[in-house]
Amino acid sequence: MIKRIFFTLLLVSLSLFSIHVDLVFANDDIYRVSNFVPRNGLPLYVEPRRSSKLIATIPRSTSWIKIQGRPQAGWQKISWNSQQGWIQAGTIELDRAATNITGGKVDCLHDPKIKNKACCGIVETTDDPSELVKIYSVTGVPKNQLLQMNTAPGKRENIASLMPHNATWIMKLNKRKLINGVRWEKVKWGGKIGWVDSRKIQYSPELTSVNDMKRKSCNVPKDCAPDLSALLKDEIQKNK
């Protein structure tokens, strides 16, 4: 009888521990690829093994990664860029700026004083709030390659960031330069500004429409949510 009671209590304890662990991982923390990852990026696989099908290559320092459950034999399941897959464990680190933005969005969604919940988040805008912001996506880049964003126009310039083959929400900054027959565009993506080969990005009318509807809605001061992009800008300045 005592053994049976002990065994029952053990099962209950293990069950509670499992629930606690799942809750620990089921949070709003946002992660980014560690700077210790090689410059050619972090592979995202369908299954937790290197021989599995490659979903995408995540660039170094890329953010907005969420952990899905606990690590398994040196692998971690994540969600990123509307995709789920497996990466090698220990290759991501907490992104404080992105986590703060996510927390701000959650607070905004639960704030009864804010009526326009569509504005809870970041809206791409320009100095002229009435200007249409065109959104672009990467095109013609294989899954195992990355698109280089340079600090200045030209193939041999320093790297400002690396974009995955399916990167979206790229915003042109209306500056371009022609070098050796290649037109370079100045863009903003992932909180960073740089120059990309214009042939590698294409206009996305769908995302432009989504952003424009949100921008028009969120330009109305009454019942409008806070601009969370300020949090990201502050953190970028702190980490320079």
C-alpha atoms as a PDB file:
ATOM      1  CA  MET A   1       0.000   0.000   0.000  1.00  0.00           C
ATOM      2  CA  ILE A   2       2.802   2.415   0.928  1.00  0.00           C
ATOM      3  CA  LYS A   3       4.658   1.548  -2.262  1.00  0.00           C
ATOM      4  CA  ARG A   4       1.521   2.229  -4.288  1.00  0.00           C
ATOM      5  CA  ILE A   5       1.021   5.647  -2.620  1.00  0.00           C
ATOM      6  CA  PHE A   6       4.697   6.510  -3.170  1.00  0.00           C
ATOM      7  CA  PHE A   7       4.485   5.497  -6.825  1.00  0.00           C
ATOM      8  CA  THR A   8       1.320   7.602  -7.297  1.00  0.00           C
ATOM      9  CA  LEU A   9       2.961  10.645  -5.696  1.00  0.00           C
ATOM     10  CA  LEU A  10       6.007  10.153  -7.921  1.00  0.00           C
ATOM     11  CA  LEU A  11       3.849  10.105 -11.051  1.00  0.00           C
ATOM     12  CA  VAL A  12       2.029  13.270  -9.923  1.00  0.00           C
ATOM     13  CA  SER A  13       5.345  15.003  -9.214  1.00  0.00           C
ATOM     14  CA  LEU A  14       6.751  14.078 -12.611  1.00  0.00           C
ATOM     15  CA  SER A  15       3.553  15.265 -14.266  1.00  0.00           C
ATOM     16  CA  LEU A  16       3.708  18.626 -12.469  1.00  0.00           C
ATOM     17  CA  PHE A  17       7.394  18.956 -13.352  1.00  0.00           C
ATOM     18  CA  SER A  18       6.604  18.284 -17.012  1.00  0.00           C
ATOM     19  CA  ILE A  19       3.859  20.911 -16.981  1.00  0.00           C
ATOM     20  CA  HIS A  20       6.247  23.416 -15.355  1.00  0.00           C
ATOM     21  CA  VAL A  21       8.954  22.771 -17.964  1.00  0.00           C
ATOM     22  CA  ASP A  22       6.469  23.174 -20.808  1.00  0.00           C
ATOM     23  CA  LEU A  23       5.322  26.476 -19.311  1.00  0.00           C
ATOM     24  CA  VAL A  24       8.917  27.653 -19.068  1.00  0.00           C
ATOM     25  CA  PHE A  25       9.369  27.103 -22.791  1.00  0.00           C
ATOM     26  CA  ALA A  26       5.873  28.363 -23.700  1.00  0.00           C
ATOM     27  CA  ASN A  27       6.747  32.043 -23.150  1.00  0.00           C
ATOM     28  CA  ASP A  28       7.122  35.155 -25.239  1.00  0.00           C
ATOM     29  CA  ASP A  29      10.919  35.228 -25.262  1.00  0.00           C
ATOM     30  CA  ILE A  30      12.415  35.957 -28.668  1.00  0.00           C
ATOM     31  CA  TYR A  31      15.808  34.608 -29.748  1.00  0.00           C
ATOM     32  CA  ARG A  32      18.382  35.446 -32.392  1.00  0.00           C
ATOM     33  CA  VAL A  33      21.129  33.482 -34.081  1.00  0.00           C
ATOM     34  CA  SER A  34      24.339  33.693 -32.084  1.00  0.00           C
ATOM     35  CA  ASN A  35      27.355  35.550 -33.465  1.00  0.00           C
ATOM     36  CA  PHE A  36      29.319  32.321 -32.926  1.00  0.00           C
ATOM     37  CA  VAL A  37      27.440  30.752 -35.848  1.00  0.00           C
ATOM     38  CA  PRO A  38      29.539  30.757 -39.083  1.00  0.00           C
ATOM     39  CA  ARG A  39      28.971  33.647 -41.485  1.00  0.00           C
ATOM     40  CA  ASN A  40      27.281  31.347 -44.004  1.00  0.00           C
ATOM     41  CA  GLY A  41      24.326  31.012 -41.616  1.00  0.00           C
ATOM     42  CA  LEU A  42      22.365  28.505 -39.571  1.00  0.00           C
ATOM     43  CA  PRO A  43      20.635  25.601 -41.393  1.00  0.00           C
ATOM     44  CA  LEU A  44      16.981  24.971 -40.534  1.00  0.00           C
ATOM     45  CA  TYR A  45      15.962  21.339 -41.139  1.00  0.00           C
ATOM     46  CA  VAL A  46      12.648  19.486 -41.374  1.00  0.00           C
ATOM     47  CA  GLU A  47      13.886  16.808 -38.950  1.00  0.00           C
ATOM     48  CA  PRO A  48      16.534  16.912 -36.175  1.00  0.00           C
ATOM     49  CA  ARG A  49      19.412  15.592 -38.291  1.00  0.00           C
ATOM     50  CA  ARG A  50      21.818  17.043 -40.852  1.00  0.00           C
ATOM     51  CA  SER A  51      20.730  14.580 -43.549  1.00  0.00           C
ATOM     52  CA  SER A  52      17.164  15.936 -43.344  1.00  0.00           C
ATOM     53  CA  LYS A  53      15.609  18.254 -45.933  1.00  0.00           C
ATOM     54  CA  LEU A  54      16.802  21.857 -45.687  1.00  0.00           C
ATOM     55  CA  ILE A  55      14.021  24.401 -45.116  1.00  0.00           C
ATOM     56  CA  ALA A  56      16.149  27.546 -45.153  1.00  0.00           C
ATOM     57  CA  THR A  57      19.435  29.046 -44.032  1.00  0.00           C
ATOM     58  CA  ILE A  58      18.987  31.584 -41.229  1.00  0.00           C
ATOM     59  CA  PRO A  59      21.550  34.408 -41.340  1.00  0.00           C
ATOM     60  CA  ARG A  60      23.796  35.108 -38.383  1.00  0.00           C
ATOM     61  CA  SER A  61      22.302  37.590 -35.858  1.00  0.00           C
ATOM     62  CA  THR A  62      18.799  37.101 -37.351  1.00  0.00           C
ATOM     63  CA  SER A  63      16.067  37.566 -34.748  1.00  0.00           C
ATOM     64  CA  TRP A  64      12.369  36.754 -34.203  1.00  0.00           C
ATOM     65  CA  ILE A  65      13.040  33.096 -33.435  1.00  0.00           C
ATOM     66  CA  LYS A  66      10.775  31.304 -30.951  1.00  0.00           C
ATOM     67  CA  ILE A  67      11.614  28.087 -29.138  1.00  0.00           C
ATOM     68  CA  GLN A  68       9.150  25.225 -29.581  1.00  0.00           C
ATOM     69  CA  GLY A  69       9.444  22.768 -26.689  1.00  0.00           C
ATOM     70  CA  ARG A  70      12.572  21.257 -25.152  1.00  0.00           C
ATOM     71  CA  PRO A  71      15.868  20.318 -26.857  1.00  0.00           C
ATOM     72  CA  GLN A  72      16.230  16.754 -28.115  1.00  0.00           C
ATOM     73  CA  ALA A  73      19.633  15.100 -28.390  1.00  0.00           C
ATOM     74  CA  GLY A  74      21.468  18.293 -29.297  1.00  0.00           C
ATOM     75  CA  TRP A  75      18.688  19.734 -31.467  1.00  0.00           C
ATOM     76  CA  GLN A  76      16.123  22.465 -30.836  1.00  0.00           C
ATOM     77  CA  LYS A  77      12.777  22.926 -32.588  1.00  0.00           C
ATOM     78  CA  ILE A  78      11.973  26.547 -33.436  1.00  0.00           C
ATOM     79  CA  SER A  79       9.576  28.710 -35.391  1.00  0.00           C
ATOM     80  CA  TRP A  80      10.870  31.518 -37.585  1.00  0.00           C
ATOM     81  CA  ASN A  81       9.568  33.453 -40.576  1.00  0.00           C
ATOM     82  CA  SER A  82       6.261  31.485 -40.546  1.00  0.00           C
ATOM     83  CA  GLN A  83       8.190  28.193 -40.667  1.00  0.00           C
ATOM     84  CA  GLN A  84       8.960  25.464 -38.139  1.00  0.00           C
ATOM     85  CA  GLY A  85      12.013  23.255 -38.116  1.00  0.00           C
ATOM     86  CA  TRP A  86      15.062  22.039 -36.246  1.00  0.00           C
ATOM     87  CA  ILE A  87      18.401  23.715 -35.576  1.00  0.00           C
ATOM     88  CA  GLN A  88      21.421  22.561 -33.613  1.00  0.00           C
ATOM     89  CA  ALA A  89      21.061  23.437 -29.930  1.00  0.00           C
ATOM     90  CA  GLY A  90      23.215  26.216 -28.529  1.00  0.00           C
ATOM     91  CA  THR A  91      23.170  28.286 -31.706  1.00  0.00           C
ATOM     92  CA  ILE A  92      20.633  30.914 -30.572  1.00  0.00           C
ATOM     93  CA  GLU A  93      20.583  33.488 -27.764  1.00  0.00           C
ATOM     94  CA  LEU A  94      17.976  35.722 -26.123  1.00  0.00           C
ATOM     95  CA  ASP A  95      17.157  38.917 -28.043  1.00  0.00           C
ATOM     96  CA  ARG A  96      16.220  41.463 -25.389  1.00  0.00           C
ATOM     97  CA  ALA A  97      14.997  44.144 -27.837  1.00  0.00           C
ATOM     98  CA  ALA A  98      12.688  41.791 -29.749  1.00  0.00           C
ATOM     99  CA  THR A  99      11.419  40.268 -26.493  1.00  0.00           C
ATOM    100  CA  ASN A 100      10.541  43.745 -25.201  1.00  0.00           C
ATOM    101  CA  ILE A 101       8.649  44.477 -28.417  1.00  0.00           C
ATOM    102  CA  THR A 102       6.721  41.214 -28.107  1.00  0.00           C
ATOM    103  CA  GLY A 103       5.925  42.015 -24.479  1.00  0.00           C
ATOM    104  CA  GLY A 104       4.762  45.474 -25.491  1.00  0.00           C
ATOM    105  CA  LYS A 105       2.509  43.982 -28.143  1.00  0.00           C
ATOM    106  CA  VAL A 106       0.961  41.549 -25.634  1.00  0.00           C
ATOM    107  CA  ASP A 107       0.375  44.400 -23.165  1.00  0.00           C
ATOM    108  CA  CYS A 108      -1.172  46.451 -25.952  1.00  0.00           C
ATOM    109  CA  LEU A 109      -3.535  43.636 -26.953  1.00  0.00           C
ATOM    110  CA  HIS A 110      -4.731  43.286 -23.349  1.00  0.00           C
ATOM    111  CA  ASP A 111      -5.087  47.032 -22.678  1.00  0.00           C
ATOM    112  CA  PRO A 112      -8.834  47.876 -22.636  1.00  0.00           C
ATOM    113  CA  LYS A 113      -8.037  51.559 -23.271  1.00  0.00           C
ATOM    114  CA  ILE A 114      -6.636  50.778 -26.728  1.00  0.00           C
ATOM    115  CA  LYS A 115      -9.490  50.183 -29.145  1.00  0.00           C
ATOM    116  CA  ASN A 116      -7.502  49.775 -32.347  1.00  0.00           C
ATOM    117  CA  LYS A 117      -5.727  46.467 -31.705  1.00  0.00           C
ATOM    118  CA  ALA A 118      -4.484  46.316 -35.307  1.00  0.00           C
ATOM    119  CA  CYS A 119      -1.896  48.931 -34.339  1.00  0.00           C
ATOM    120  CA  CYS A 120      -0.311  46.719 -31.675  1.00  0.00           C
ATOM    121  CA  GLY A 121       3.082  46.136 -33.247  1.00  0.00           C
ATOM    122  CA  ILE A 122       5.403  47.855 -35.711  1.00  0.00           C
ATOM    123  CA  VAL A 123       4.196  49.700 -38.783  1.00  0.00           C
ATOM    124  CA  GLU A 124       6.651  50.646 -41.514  1.00  0.00           C
ATOM    125  CA  THR A 125       6.374  54.395 -42.090  1.00  0.00           C
ATOM    126  CA  THR A 126       8.406  57.272 -43.511  1.00  0.00           C
ATOM    127  CA  ASP A 127       8.909  60.886 -42.419  1.00  0.00           C
ATOM    128  CA  ASP A 128       5.815  61.676 -44.476  1.00  0.00           C
ATOM    129  CA  PRO A 129       2.977  59.672 -42.823  1.00  0.00           C
ATOM    130  CA  SER A 130       0.837  59.988 -45.975  1.00  0.00           C
ATOM    131  CA  GLU A 131       3.455  58.334 -48.204  1.00  0.00           C
ATOM    132  CA  LEU A 132       2.811  54.787 -49.468  1.00  0.00           C
ATOM    133  CA  VAL A 133       5.517  52.424 -48.195  1.00  0.00           C
ATOM    134  CA  LYS A 134       6.250  49.728 -50.748  1.00  0.00           C
ATOM    135  CA  ILE A 135       7.291  46.391 -49.282  1.00  0.00           C
ATOM    136  CA  TYR A 136       9.673  44.017 -51.071  1.00  0.00           C
ATOM    137  CA  SER A 137      10.785  40.378 -50.765  1.00  0.00           C
ATOM    138  CA  VAL A 138      13.973  38.527 -51.711  1.00  0.00           C
ATOM    139  CA  THR A 139      13.817  36.680 -55.029  1.00  0.00           C
ATOM    140  CA  GLY A 140      16.049  34.286 -56.990  1.00  0.00           C
ATOM    141  CA  VAL A 141      18.216  33.202 -54.040  1.00  0.00           C
ATOM    142  CA  PRO A 142      18.593  29.414 -53.399  1.00  0.00           C
ATOM    143  CA  LYS A 143      17.654  27.973 -49.972  1.00  0.00           C
ATOM    144  CA  ASN A 144      21.269  27.284 -49.063  1.00  0.00           C
ATOM    145  CA  GLN A 145      22.403  30.827 -49.874  1.00  0.00           C
ATOM    146  CA  LEU A 146      21.969  34.280 -48.348  1.00  0.00           C
ATOM    147  CA  LEU A 147      21.521  37.725 -49.854  1.00  0.00           C
ATOM    148  CA  GLN A 148      24.220  40.142 -48.760  1.00  0.00           C
ATOM    149  CA  MET A 149      23.239  43.615 -47.548  1.00  0.00           C
ATOM    150  CA  ASN A 150      26.263  45.927 -47.720  1.00  0.00           C
ATOM    151  CA  THR A 151      27.146  49.038 -45.759  1.00  0.00           C
ATOM    152  CA  ALA A 152      27.675  50.816 -49.108  1.00  0.00           C
ATOM    153  CA  PRO A 153      26.764  50.037 -52.752  1.00  0.00           C
ATOM    154  CA  GLY A 154      29.117  47.576 -54.432  1.00  0.00           C
ATOM    155  CA  LYS A 155      29.988  43.880 -54.265  1.00  0.00           C
ATOM    156  CA  ARG A 156      33.200  44.348 -52.267  1.00  0.00           C
ATOM    157  CA  GLU A 157      31.784  46.519 -49.499  1.00  0.00           C
ATOM    158  CA  ASN A 158      31.476  45.498 -45.844  1.00  0.00           C
ATOM    159  CA  ILE A 159      28.494  43.374 -44.858  1.00  0.00           C
ATOM    160  CA  ALA A 160      25.723  45.119 -42.911  1.00  0.00           C
ATOM    161  CA  SER A 161      23.501  42.035 -42.729  1.00  0.00           C
ATOM    162  CA  LEU A 162      22.621  38.797 -44.500  1.00  0.00           C
ATOM    163  CA  MET A 163      19.084  38.010 -45.659  1.00  0.00           C
ATOM    164  CA  PRO A 164      17.565  34.529 -46.025  1.00  0.00           C
ATOM    165  CA  HIS A 165      16.346  33.399 -49.425  1.00  0.00           C
ATOM    166  CA  ASN A 166      12.719  34.070 -48.437  1.00  0.00           C
ATOM    167  CA  ALA A 167      13.121  37.325 -46.496  1.00  0.00           C
ATOM    168  CA  THR A 168      10.156  39.717 -46.616  1.00  0.00           C
ATOM    169  CA  TRP A 169       9.221  43.151 -45.234  1.00  0.00           C
ATOM    170  CA  ILE A 170      12.093  44.895 -47.010  1.00  0.00           C
ATOM    171  CA  MET A 171      11.583  48.644 -47.309  1.00  0.00           C
ATOM    172  CA  LYS A 172      13.301  50.773 -49.959  1.00  0.00           C
ATOM    173  CA  LEU A 173      14.723  54.096 -48.791  1.00  0.00           C
ATOM    174  CA  ASN A 174      14.516  55.793 -52.211  1.00  0.00           C
ATOM    175  CA  LYS A 175      18.264  55.916 -52.782  1.00  0.00           C
ATOM    176  CA  ARG A 176      19.995  54.001 -55.568  1.00  0.00           C
ATOM    177  CA  LYS A 177      23.342  53.904 -57.323  1.00  0.00           C
ATOM    178  CA  LEU A 178      24.519  52.286 -60.566  1.00  0.00           C
ATOM    179  CA  ILE A 179      27.931  50.536 -60.347  1.00  0.00           C
ATOM    180  CA  ASN A 180      29.330  48.475 -63.249  1.00  0.00           C
ATOM    181  CA  GLY A 181      25.870  47.956 -64.673  1.00  0.00           C
ATOM    182  CA  VAL A 182      24.349  46.843 -61.356  1.00  0.00           C
ATOM    183  CA  ARG A 183      21.739  49.021 -59.681  1.00  0.00           C
ATOM    184  CA  TRP A 184      22.066  49.041 -55.897  1.00  0.00           C
ATOM    185  CA  GLU A 185      19.125  49.979 -53.682  1.00  0.00           C
ATOM    186  CA  LYS A 186      19.333  51.332 -50.155  1.00  0.00           C
ATOM    187  CA  VAL A 187      16.895  49.374 -47.964  1.00  0.00           C
ATOM    188  CA  LYS A 188      15.832  48.718 -44.395  1.00  0.00           C
ATOM    189  CA  TRP A 189      15.285  45.188 -43.160  1.00  0.00           C
ATOM    190  CA  GLY A 190      15.334  43.580 -39.721  1.00  0.00           C
ATOM    191  CA  GLY A 191      16.179  46.853 -38.006  1.00  0.00           C
ATOM    192  CA  LYS A 192      19.265  47.357 -40.200  1.00  0.00           C
ATOM    193  CA  ILE A 193      19.995  49.657 -43.143  1.00  0.00           C
ATOM    194  CA  GLY A 194      22.209  48.804 -46.106  1.00  0.00           C
ATOM    195  CA  TRP A 195      22.487  48.309 -49.872  1.00  0.00           C
ATOM    196  CA  VAL A 196      21.339  45.314 -51.936  1.00  0.00           C
ATOM    197  CA  ASP A 197      21.440  44.295 -55.591  1.00  0.00           C
ATOM    198  CA  SER A 198      18.068  45.496 -56.955  1.00  0.00           C
ATOM    199  CA  ARG A 199      17.749  42.340 -59.081  1.00  0.00           C
ATOM    200  CA  LYS A 200      17.471  40.271 -55.895  1.00  0.00           C
ATOM    201  CA  ILE A 201      14.346  41.911 -54.495  1.00  0.00           C
ATOM    202  CA  GLN A 202      10.836  42.114 -55.917  1.00  0.00           C
ATOM    203  CA  TYR A 203       7.812  44.222 -55.081  1.00  0.00           C
ATOM    204  CA  SER A 204       5.141  42.553 -52.910  1.00  0.00           C
ATOM    205  CA  PRO A 205       1.707  44.130 -53.535  1.00  0.00           C
ATOM    206  CA  GLU A 206       0.123  41.899 -50.867  1.00  0.00           C
ATOM    207  CA  LEU A 207       2.450  42.971 -48.042  1.00  0.00           C
ATOM    208  CA  THR A 208       2.350  46.575 -49.238  1.00  0.00           C
ATOM    209  CA  SER A 209      -1.438  46.512 -49.010  1.00  0.00           C
ATOM    210  CA  VAL A 210      -1.361  45.028 -45.504  1.00  0.00           C
ATOM    211  CA  ASN A 211       1.134  47.613 -44.292  1.00  0.00           C
ATOM    212  CA  ASP A 212      -0.722  50.487 -45.962  1.00  0.00           C
ATOM    213  CA  MET A 213      -4.053  49.548 -44.380  1.00  0.00           C
ATOM    214  CA  LYS A 214      -2.375  49.321 -40.993  1.00  0.00           C
ATOM    215  CA  ARG A 215      -0.499  52.603 -41.516  1.00  0.00           C
ATOM    216  CA  LYS A 216      -3.664  54.521 -42.424  1.00  0.00           C
ATOM    217  CA  SER A 217      -5.511  53.052 -39.484  1.00  0.00           C
ATOM    218  CA  CYS A 218      -2.716  53.750 -37.030  1.00  0.00           C
ATOM    219  CA  ASN A 219      -2.192  57.354 -38.146  1.00  0.00           C
ATOM    220  CA  VAL A 220      -5.388  58.249 -36.311  1.00  0.00           C
ATOM    221  CA  PRO A 221      -4.291  59.484 -32.851  1.00  0.00           C
ATOM    222  CA  LYS A 222      -7.497  58.511 -31.062  1.00  0.00           C
ATOM    223  CA  ASP A 223      -7.448  55.033 -29.498  1.00  0.00           C
ATOM    224  CA  CYS A 224      -4.193  54.256 -31.325  1.00  0.00           C
ATOM    225  CA  ALA A 225      -1.615  51.835 -29.976  1.00  0.00           C
ATOM    226  CA  PRO A 226       1.960  52.922 -29.176  1.00  0.00           C
ATOM    227  CA  ASP A 227       4.683  52.719 -31.834  1.00  0.00           C
ATOM    228  CA  LEU A 228       6.712  49.735 -30.641  1.00  0.00           C
ATOM    229  CA  SER A 229       9.448  50.346 -33.198  1.00  0.00           C
ATOM    230  CA  ALA A 230      10.899  52.903 -30.758  1.00  0.00           C
ATOM    231  CA  LEU A 231      11.829  50.032 -28.429  1.00  0.00           C
ATOM    232  CA  LEU A 232      13.821  48.357 -31.190  1.00  0.00           C
ATOM    233  CA  LYS A 233      15.607  51.605 -32.109  1.00  0.00           C
ATOM    234  CA  ASP A 234      16.584  52.200 -28.459  1.00  0.00           C
ATOM    235  CA  GLU A 235      18.012  48.701 -28.085  1.00  0.00           C
ATOM    236  CA  ILE A 236      19.959  48.977 -31.361  1.00  0.00           C
ATOM    237  CA  GLN A 237      21.572  52.188 -30.121  1.00  0.00           C
ATOM    238  CA  LYS A 238      22.441  50.591 -26.754  1.00  0.00           C
ATOM    239  CA  ASN A 239      24.107  47.601 -28.402  1.00  0.00           C
ATOM    240  CA  LYS A 240      26.289  49.590 -30.819  1.00  0.00           C
END
